[in-house]
Amino acid sequence: MAIRKVQSGWQVDFRPHGSEGRRIRKTFLRKREAEDYEIELKAQTNRGELSTARSDNRRLSKLIDDWYELYGYSLKDGDRRKIKLMNMCDRLKNPLARKFTGEDFLRYRKKRLQEILPRKNRTVSKNTVNHEHAYLSATYGTLIKLKNWKGTNPLAGIPKLQIDESQLTYLEENEIKKLLAELENAKNPDVLTITEICLATGARWSEAETLEAGRIRNGKVHYVNTKNSKARAVPISDELIARILHGRPRFGRLFPHTCYRAFASAVERAGLQLPEGQSTHILRHTFASHYMINDGNILKLKEILGHKTMEMTLRYAKLAPKHLVEVLDKNPFDRLLAV
């Protein structure tokens, strides 16, 4: 702390919490005024009324950059998430991060839900906005944990939008047969085999398409480098193993080319109507649904699919033949008829 004579008067130079903290400087015409101000600053410091932090003038874009450099780069979807965050930042007009509030986000959210997506002729979905909410909240939250951000998380405590659970969609057996028939006639030699792997093991399309020969051993297919980084092994039949390995490399990737378009074309030729955004993921839903329809174990299904939480798996439980079957003899209507 110091009071010194400057050209315009007497300057108070005060750091309430040392050289690394906030700095306060103010100039007065009279020395007595400077001394009184210095006394008041000391009193405010003793009462804990002066912040320890310097003003953080980073804009939201800089906060996102720092999040990516410190942590985001390590995530499997880090690059994609940064792009989405920067797009949000542009729509928010890149505010000062310390001045961005929960109310600002709520106003953004309301406006965002009214936007019409180009070429899709529909508004932005609640699910999309909830993802944006999660990404931005995680940006602040992570930097707080890393002590890079000394402010608060403006999205903390704000609930996400409630989304009605959609009807579970999967392929019936006759639809599976139609699809496989179209795939047998596809020009791409690998698309049928990849589809069979997904139907037999519940794999994500990317997991099956990037499968390496060395991952098939001991009667199981081993999935690594998965979406949630959780490795798993799923048993497969000897017949399917033979189909997968026949005429394909003994080392490295089994399927060298992407087969997504060939699959989409077969779906269209088979006349299958799939929910928007599903496409190949319908195979994973189909495996899980038929597994439960055939009285599979929900706990084992969680391990097969590689879900981190049981909540993600439980949506298939309602398909089990014995699920809530006791309602047939415990409801008042049927009990009265039986009397």
Protein backbone atom coordinates (compact mmCIF):
# COMPACT_ATOMS: atom_id res chain seq x y z
CA MET A 1 0.00 0.00 0.00
CA ALA A 2 1.27 3.47 -0.83
CA ILE A 3 0.28 7.10 -1.22
CA ARG A 4 2.48 9.02 -3.57
CA LYS A 5 2.58 12.41 -5.22
CA VAL A 6 1.80 12.37 -8.92
CA GLN A 7 1.32 15.14 -11.46
CA SER A 8 -2.45 15.30 -10.97
CA GLY A 9 -2.47 15.02 -7.16
CA TRP A 10 -2.07 12.23 -4.59
CA GLN A 11 -2.45 8.63 -5.75
CA VAL A 12 -3.50 5.69 -3.59
CA ASP A 13 -2.00 2.41 -4.85
CA PHE A 14 -3.53 -0.45 -2.87
CA ARG A 15 -3.45 -4.26 -3.21
CA PRO A 16 -5.77 -5.66 -0.52
CA HIS A 17 -4.56 -9.23 -0.97
CA GLY A 18 -0.94 -8.94 -2.02
CA SER A 19 0.90 -8.66 -5.31
CA GLU A 20 -1.05 -11.47 -6.99
CA GLY A 21 -4.47 -10.06 -6.18
CA ARG A 22 -6.64 -7.18 -7.24
CA ARG A 23 -5.02 -3.71 -7.56
CA ILE A 24 -6.85 -0.49 -6.71
CA ARG A 25 -5.51 2.90 -7.77
CA LYS A 26 -7.21 6.25 -7.34
CA THR A 27 -5.96 9.85 -7.43
CA PHE A 28 -7.13 12.77 -5.21
CA LEU A 29 -6.36 16.48 -5.29
CA ARG A 30 -5.55 16.61 -1.56
CA LYS A 31 -3.35 14.29 0.44
CA ARG A 32 -5.87 14.17 3.30
CA GLU A 33 -8.54 12.78 0.95
CA ALA A 34 -6.10 10.09 -0.22
CA GLU A 35 -5.33 9.14 3.40
CA ASP A 36 -9.03 8.89 4.29
CA TYR A 37 -9.62 6.67 1.23
CA GLU A 38 -6.71 4.47 2.25
CA ILE A 39 -8.18 4.04 5.73
CA GLU A 40 -11.56 3.09 4.25
CA LEU A 41 -9.95 0.51 1.94
CA LYS A 42 -8.18 -1.08 4.92
CA ALA A 43 -11.46 -1.28 6.81
CA GLN A 44 -13.25 -2.90 3.82
CA THR A 45 -10.43 -5.42 3.53
CA ASN A 46 -10.72 -6.33 7.22
CA ARG A 47 -14.48 -6.79 6.80
CA GLY A 48 -13.93 -9.06 3.77
CA GLU A 49 -15.75 -6.71 1.44
CA LEU A 50 -13.05 -6.49 -1.23
CA SER A 51 -12.75 -9.29 -3.75
CA THR A 52 -9.47 -11.16 -3.92
CA ALA A 53 -9.65 -11.56 -7.68
CA ARG A 54 -8.76 -9.20 -10.44
CA SER A 55 -11.53 -8.60 -12.95
CA ASP A 56 -11.52 -11.42 -15.47
CA ASN A 57 -12.28 -9.79 -18.80
CA ARG A 58 -12.19 -12.92 -20.93
CA ARG A 59 -14.97 -13.20 -23.42
CA LEU A 60 -16.90 -16.43 -23.79
CA SER A 61 -14.90 -17.43 -26.89
CA LYS A 62 -11.65 -17.17 -24.91
CA LEU A 63 -13.14 -19.24 -22.10
CA ILE A 64 -14.05 -21.93 -24.62
CA ASP A 65 -10.52 -21.83 -26.06
CA ASP A 66 -9.03 -22.22 -22.59
CA TRP A 67 -11.39 -25.10 -21.80
CA TYR A 68 -10.31 -26.87 -24.98
CA GLU A 69 -6.59 -26.31 -24.44
CA LEU A 70 -6.72 -27.50 -20.83
CA TYR A 71 -9.24 -30.31 -21.07
CA GLY A 72 -11.50 -30.49 -24.11
CA TYR A 73 -8.79 -31.80 -26.45
CA SER A 74 -8.67 -35.01 -24.37
CA LEU A 75 -12.34 -35.88 -25.01
CA LYS A 76 -13.31 -38.16 -27.86
CA ASP A 77 -15.84 -35.59 -29.05
CA GLY A 78 -13.76 -32.59 -27.96
CA ASP A 79 -13.32 -31.08 -31.43
CA ARG A 80 -17.00 -31.48 -32.26
CA ARG A 81 -18.02 -30.06 -28.91
CA LYS A 82 -15.78 -27.02 -29.35
CA ILE A 83 -17.39 -26.28 -32.73
CA LYS A 84 -20.85 -26.42 -31.13
CA LEU A 85 -19.71 -24.19 -28.27
CA MET A 86 -18.26 -21.62 -30.67
CA ASN A 87 -21.49 -21.63 -32.68
CA MET A 88 -23.36 -20.94 -29.45
CA CYS A 89 -20.91 -18.18 -28.66
CA ASP A 90 -21.62 -16.53 -32.02
CA ARG A 91 -25.38 -16.70 -31.44
CA LEU A 92 -24.87 -15.15 -27.99
CA LYS A 93 -22.71 -12.40 -29.56
CA ASN A 94 -19.64 -13.44 -27.54
CA PRO A 95 -20.40 -11.78 -24.17
CA LEU A 96 -17.95 -11.17 -21.34
CA ALA A 97 -17.87 -14.52 -19.57
CA ARG A 98 -18.20 -12.92 -16.12
CA LYS A 99 -21.30 -10.98 -17.17
CA PHE A 100 -23.10 -13.92 -18.74
CA THR A 101 -25.99 -14.95 -16.48
CA GLY A 102 -28.47 -17.76 -16.14
CA GLU A 103 -31.18 -15.38 -17.34
CA ASP A 104 -29.13 -14.70 -20.48
CA PHE A 105 -29.06 -18.41 -21.19
CA LEU A 106 -32.80 -18.82 -20.56
CA ARG A 107 -33.54 -16.03 -23.05
CA TYR A 108 -31.14 -17.66 -25.53
CA ARG A 109 -32.83 -21.02 -25.00
CA LYS A 110 -36.31 -19.65 -25.70
CA LYS A 111 -35.14 -17.96 -28.89
CA ARG A 112 -33.17 -21.02 -29.98
CA LEU A 113 -36.23 -23.27 -29.73
CA GLN A 114 -38.00 -21.02 -32.24
CA GLU A 115 -35.27 -21.27 -34.89
CA ILE A 116 -36.05 -23.13 -38.10
CA LEU A 117 -33.31 -25.52 -39.20
CA PRO A 118 -32.29 -25.00 -42.84
CA ARG A 119 -33.21 -27.84 -45.21
CA LYS A 120 -35.07 -29.71 -42.44
CA ASN A 121 -38.16 -27.50 -42.20
CA ARG A 122 -38.46 -27.95 -38.43
CA THR A 123 -37.47 -26.08 -35.30
CA VAL A 124 -34.46 -26.86 -33.15
CA SER A 125 -35.26 -29.77 -30.83
CA LYS A 126 -35.30 -29.69 -27.05
CA ASN A 127 -32.69 -32.43 -27.07
CA THR A 128 -30.30 -30.23 -29.08
CA VAL A 129 -30.78 -27.32 -26.67
CA ASN A 130 -30.24 -29.61 -23.68
CA HIS A 131 -26.94 -30.71 -25.18
CA GLU A 132 -25.90 -27.08 -25.62
CA HIS A 133 -26.89 -26.45 -22.00
CA ALA A 134 -24.74 -29.37 -20.84
CA TYR A 135 -21.73 -28.35 -22.93
CA LEU A 136 -21.70 -24.73 -21.76
CA SER A 137 -22.30 -25.64 -18.12
CA ALA A 138 -19.45 -28.19 -18.31
CA THR A 139 -17.14 -25.50 -19.76
CA TYR A 140 -17.62 -23.24 -16.75
CA GLY A 141 -17.69 -26.15 -14.31
CA THR A 142 -14.48 -27.72 -15.58
CA LEU A 143 -12.56 -24.44 -15.52
CA ILE A 144 -13.77 -23.85 -11.94
CA LYS A 145 -12.39 -27.25 -10.92
CA LEU A 146 -9.10 -26.44 -12.66
CA LYS A 147 -9.04 -23.06 -10.82
CA ASN A 148 -8.85 -21.31 -14.17
CA TRP A 149 -12.20 -19.58 -13.58
CA LYS A 150 -12.75 -17.85 -10.25
CA GLY A 151 -16.32 -16.81 -10.98
CA THR A 152 -19.45 -18.91 -10.65
CA ASN A 153 -21.13 -21.23 -13.14
CA PRO A 154 -24.09 -19.19 -14.46
CA LEU A 155 -25.93 -22.35 -15.54
CA ALA A 156 -25.67 -24.08 -12.17
CA GLY A 157 -29.12 -24.92 -10.83
CA ILE A 158 -30.94 -24.29 -14.12
CA PRO A 159 -32.96 -27.41 -15.01
CA LYS A 160 -32.83 -28.81 -18.51
CA LEU A 161 -35.91 -28.93 -20.67
CA GLN A 162 -38.16 -31.89 -19.96
CA ILE A 163 -38.49 -34.22 -22.93
CA ASP A 164 -41.31 -36.71 -23.37
CA GLU A 165 -40.03 -40.24 -23.78
CA SER A 166 -40.43 -41.29 -27.40
CA GLN A 167 -41.81 -44.62 -28.50
CA LEU A 168 -39.08 -47.25 -28.74
CA THR A 169 -38.58 -48.16 -32.39
CA TYR A 170 -37.03 -51.39 -33.65
CA LEU A 171 -37.29 -53.73 -36.60
CA GLU A 172 -39.69 -56.66 -36.50
CA GLU A 173 -38.48 -60.03 -37.79
CA ASN A 174 -40.15 -59.60 -41.18
CA GLU A 175 -38.50 -56.19 -41.57
CA ILE A 176 -35.11 -57.65 -40.66
CA LYS A 177 -35.56 -60.29 -43.39
CA LYS A 178 -36.46 -57.57 -45.96
CA LEU A 179 -33.40 -55.54 -45.02
CA LEU A 180 -31.01 -58.51 -45.16
CA ALA A 181 -32.39 -59.51 -48.56
CA GLU A 182 -31.65 -56.05 -49.96
CA LEU A 183 -28.18 -56.05 -48.40
CA GLU A 184 -27.35 -59.39 -50.05
CA ASN A 185 -27.79 -57.67 -53.42
CA ALA A 186 -25.76 -54.59 -52.49
CA LYS A 187 -22.66 -53.77 -54.53
CA ASN A 188 -20.67 -53.10 -51.36
CA PRO A 189 -19.35 -56.50 -50.22
CA ASP A 190 -19.06 -55.54 -46.55
CA VAL A 191 -22.34 -53.84 -45.69
CA LEU A 192 -24.23 -57.10 -45.10
CA THR A 193 -21.59 -58.48 -42.73
CA ILE A 194 -21.41 -55.25 -40.71
CA THR A 195 -25.20 -55.27 -40.38
CA GLU A 196 -25.11 -58.89 -39.20
CA ILE A 197 -22.51 -58.01 -36.55
CA CYS A 198 -24.71 -55.18 -35.25
CA LEU A 199 -27.80 -57.38 -35.13
CA ALA A 200 -25.92 -60.19 -33.40
CA THR A 201 -24.04 -58.14 -30.78
CA GLY A 202 -25.81 -54.79 -30.37
CA ALA A 203 -22.74 -52.92 -31.60
CA ARG A 204 -22.81 -49.34 -32.74
CA TRP A 205 -22.26 -49.08 -36.49
CA SER A 206 -18.88 -47.39 -36.06
CA GLU A 207 -17.73 -50.16 -33.69
CA ALA A 208 -18.56 -52.88 -36.21
CA GLU A 209 -17.31 -50.98 -39.25
CA THR A 210 -13.87 -50.33 -37.71
CA LEU A 211 -13.48 -53.83 -36.30
CA GLU A 212 -10.01 -55.40 -36.61
CA ALA A 213 -9.37 -59.10 -37.23
CA GLY A 214 -7.48 -59.45 -33.95
CA ARG A 215 -10.58 -58.42 -32.02
CA ILE A 216 -12.36 -61.66 -32.89
CA ARG A 217 -11.03 -64.41 -30.67
CA ASN A 218 -12.16 -67.13 -28.28
CA GLY A 219 -15.69 -67.08 -29.69
CA LYS A 220 -16.20 -63.40 -28.89
CA VAL A 221 -15.95 -60.05 -30.58
CA HIS A 222 -14.01 -57.54 -28.49
CA TYR A 223 -14.96 -53.88 -28.75
CA VAL A 224 -12.39 -51.28 -27.67
CA ASN A 225 -12.05 -47.52 -28.17
CA THR A 226 -15.82 -47.25 -27.80
CA LYS A 227 -17.93 -44.12 -27.51
CA ASN A 228 -17.72 -44.12 -23.72
CA SER A 229 -14.23 -45.73 -23.61
CA LYS A 230 -15.66 -48.87 -22.00
CA ALA A 231 -14.27 -52.10 -23.53
CA ARG A 232 -16.56 -55.12 -23.76
CA ALA A 233 -16.64 -58.61 -25.26
CA VAL A 234 -19.77 -60.21 -26.74
CA PRO A 235 -20.09 -63.91 -27.72
CA ILE A 236 -20.86 -64.68 -31.36
CA SER A 237 -21.59 -67.93 -33.17
CA ASP A 238 -18.96 -69.93 -35.06
CA GLU A 239 -21.04 -69.44 -38.22
CA LEU A 240 -20.89 -65.66 -37.92
CA ILE A 241 -17.16 -65.75 -37.16
CA ALA A 242 -16.61 -67.71 -40.36
CA ARG A 243 -18.71 -65.22 -42.36
CA ILE A 244 -16.79 -62.27 -40.92
CA LEU A 245 -13.31 -63.67 -41.53
CA HIS A 246 -13.92 -65.31 -44.91
CA GLY A 247 -11.81 -63.65 -47.61
CA ARG A 248 -10.81 -60.76 -45.37
CA PRO A 249 -7.42 -59.61 -43.99
CA ARG A 250 -5.95 -61.57 -41.09
CA PHE A 251 -4.54 -58.35 -39.61
CA GLY A 252 -5.78 -54.79 -39.33
CA ARG A 253 -9.24 -53.56 -40.28
CA LEU A 254 -11.66 -56.11 -41.66
CA PHE A 255 -13.72 -53.55 -43.58
CA PRO A 256 -11.51 -50.93 -45.28
CA HIS A 257 -14.30 -48.74 -46.66
CA THR A 258 -17.27 -46.96 -45.13
CA CYS A 259 -20.60 -48.67 -45.77
CA TYR A 260 -23.06 -46.12 -44.38
CA ARG A 261 -24.49 -45.04 -47.75
CA ALA A 262 -24.89 -48.62 -48.91
CA PHE A 263 -26.88 -49.36 -45.76
CA ALA A 264 -29.08 -46.28 -46.16
CA SER A 265 -29.79 -47.24 -49.77
CA ALA A 266 -30.82 -50.77 -48.73
CA VAL A 267 -33.16 -49.37 -46.06
CA GLU A 268 -34.83 -47.22 -48.70
CA ARG A 269 -35.19 -50.13 -51.14
CA ALA A 270 -36.68 -52.30 -48.38
CA GLY A 271 -39.31 -49.61 -47.77
CA LEU A 272 -38.47 -49.24 -44.07
CA GLN A 273 -39.64 -46.06 -42.35
CA LEU A 274 -37.12 -45.12 -39.66
CA PRO A 275 -37.29 -42.25 -37.15
CA GLU A 276 -35.24 -39.21 -38.11
CA GLY A 277 -31.64 -39.50 -36.98
CA GLN A 278 -31.68 -43.26 -36.43
CA SER A 279 -30.52 -44.94 -39.64
CA THR A 280 -27.84 -47.49 -38.61
CA HIS A 281 -28.63 -47.05 -34.91
CA ILE A 282 -31.89 -48.89 -35.49
CA LEU A 283 -29.81 -52.08 -35.52
CA ARG A 284 -28.62 -51.50 -31.96
CA HIS A 285 -32.20 -50.82 -30.83
CA THR A 286 -33.35 -53.92 -32.67
CA PHE A 287 -30.80 -56.15 -30.95
CA ALA A 288 -31.65 -54.82 -27.47
CA SER A 289 -35.40 -54.97 -28.07
CA HIS A 290 -35.41 -58.57 -29.31
CA TYR A 291 -33.03 -59.55 -26.50
CA MET A 292 -35.62 -58.42 -23.95
CA ILE A 293 -38.61 -59.74 -25.94
CA ASN A 294 -36.91 -63.14 -25.71
CA ASP A 295 -36.72 -62.78 -21.92
CA GLY A 296 -33.11 -61.64 -21.68
CA ASN A 297 -31.55 -60.35 -18.46
CA ILE A 298 -31.58 -56.55 -18.18
CA LEU A 299 -28.33 -56.46 -16.16
CA LYS A 300 -26.54 -58.55 -18.78
CA LEU A 301 -27.96 -56.33 -21.53
CA LYS A 302 -26.35 -53.34 -19.86
CA GLU A 303 -22.96 -55.04 -20.09
CA ILE A 304 -23.52 -56.19 -23.68
CA LEU A 305 -24.40 -52.68 -24.84
CA GLY A 306 -21.67 -51.06 -22.75
CA HIS A 307 -23.98 -48.54 -21.10
CA LYS A 308 -22.47 -46.59 -18.23
CA THR A 309 -25.75 -46.27 -16.36
CA MET A 310 -28.69 -48.61 -15.92
CA GLU A 311 -31.04 -45.75 -16.79
CA MET A 312 -30.00 -46.02 -20.45
CA THR A 313 -30.79 -49.74 -20.52
CA LEU A 314 -34.07 -49.71 -18.61
CA ARG A 315 -36.02 -48.32 -21.57
CA TYR A 316 -35.86 -51.82 -23.05
CA ALA A 317 -37.20 -53.50 -19.88
CA LYS A 318 -40.83 -52.87 -20.83
CA LEU A 319 -40.42 -55.29 -23.75
CA ALA A 320 -39.74 -58.29 -21.50
CA PRO A 321 -42.66 -60.77 -21.69
CA LYS A 322 -43.05 -60.84 -17.91
CA HIS A 323 -42.71 -57.09 -17.41
CA LEU A 324 -45.61 -55.95 -15.20
CA VAL A 325 -47.53 -59.12 -16.11
CA GLU A 326 -48.97 -59.22 -12.58
CA VAL A 327 -51.29 -56.40 -13.60
CA LEU A 328 -53.48 -59.08 -15.24
CA ASP A 329 -54.48 -60.65 -11.93
CA LYS A 330 -54.09 -57.69 -9.62
CA ASN A 331 -56.28 -55.07 -11.32
CA PRO A 332 -59.80 -54.59 -9.86
CA PHE A 333 -61.65 -55.18 -13.16
CA ASP A 334 -60.34 -58.70 -13.83
CA ARG A 335 -60.55 -59.64 -10.14
CA LEU A 336 -64.26 -58.76 -10.10
CA LEU A 337 -64.89 -60.82 -13.25
CA ALA A 338 -63.23 -63.82 -11.61
CA VAL A 339 -65.60 -63.75 -8.63
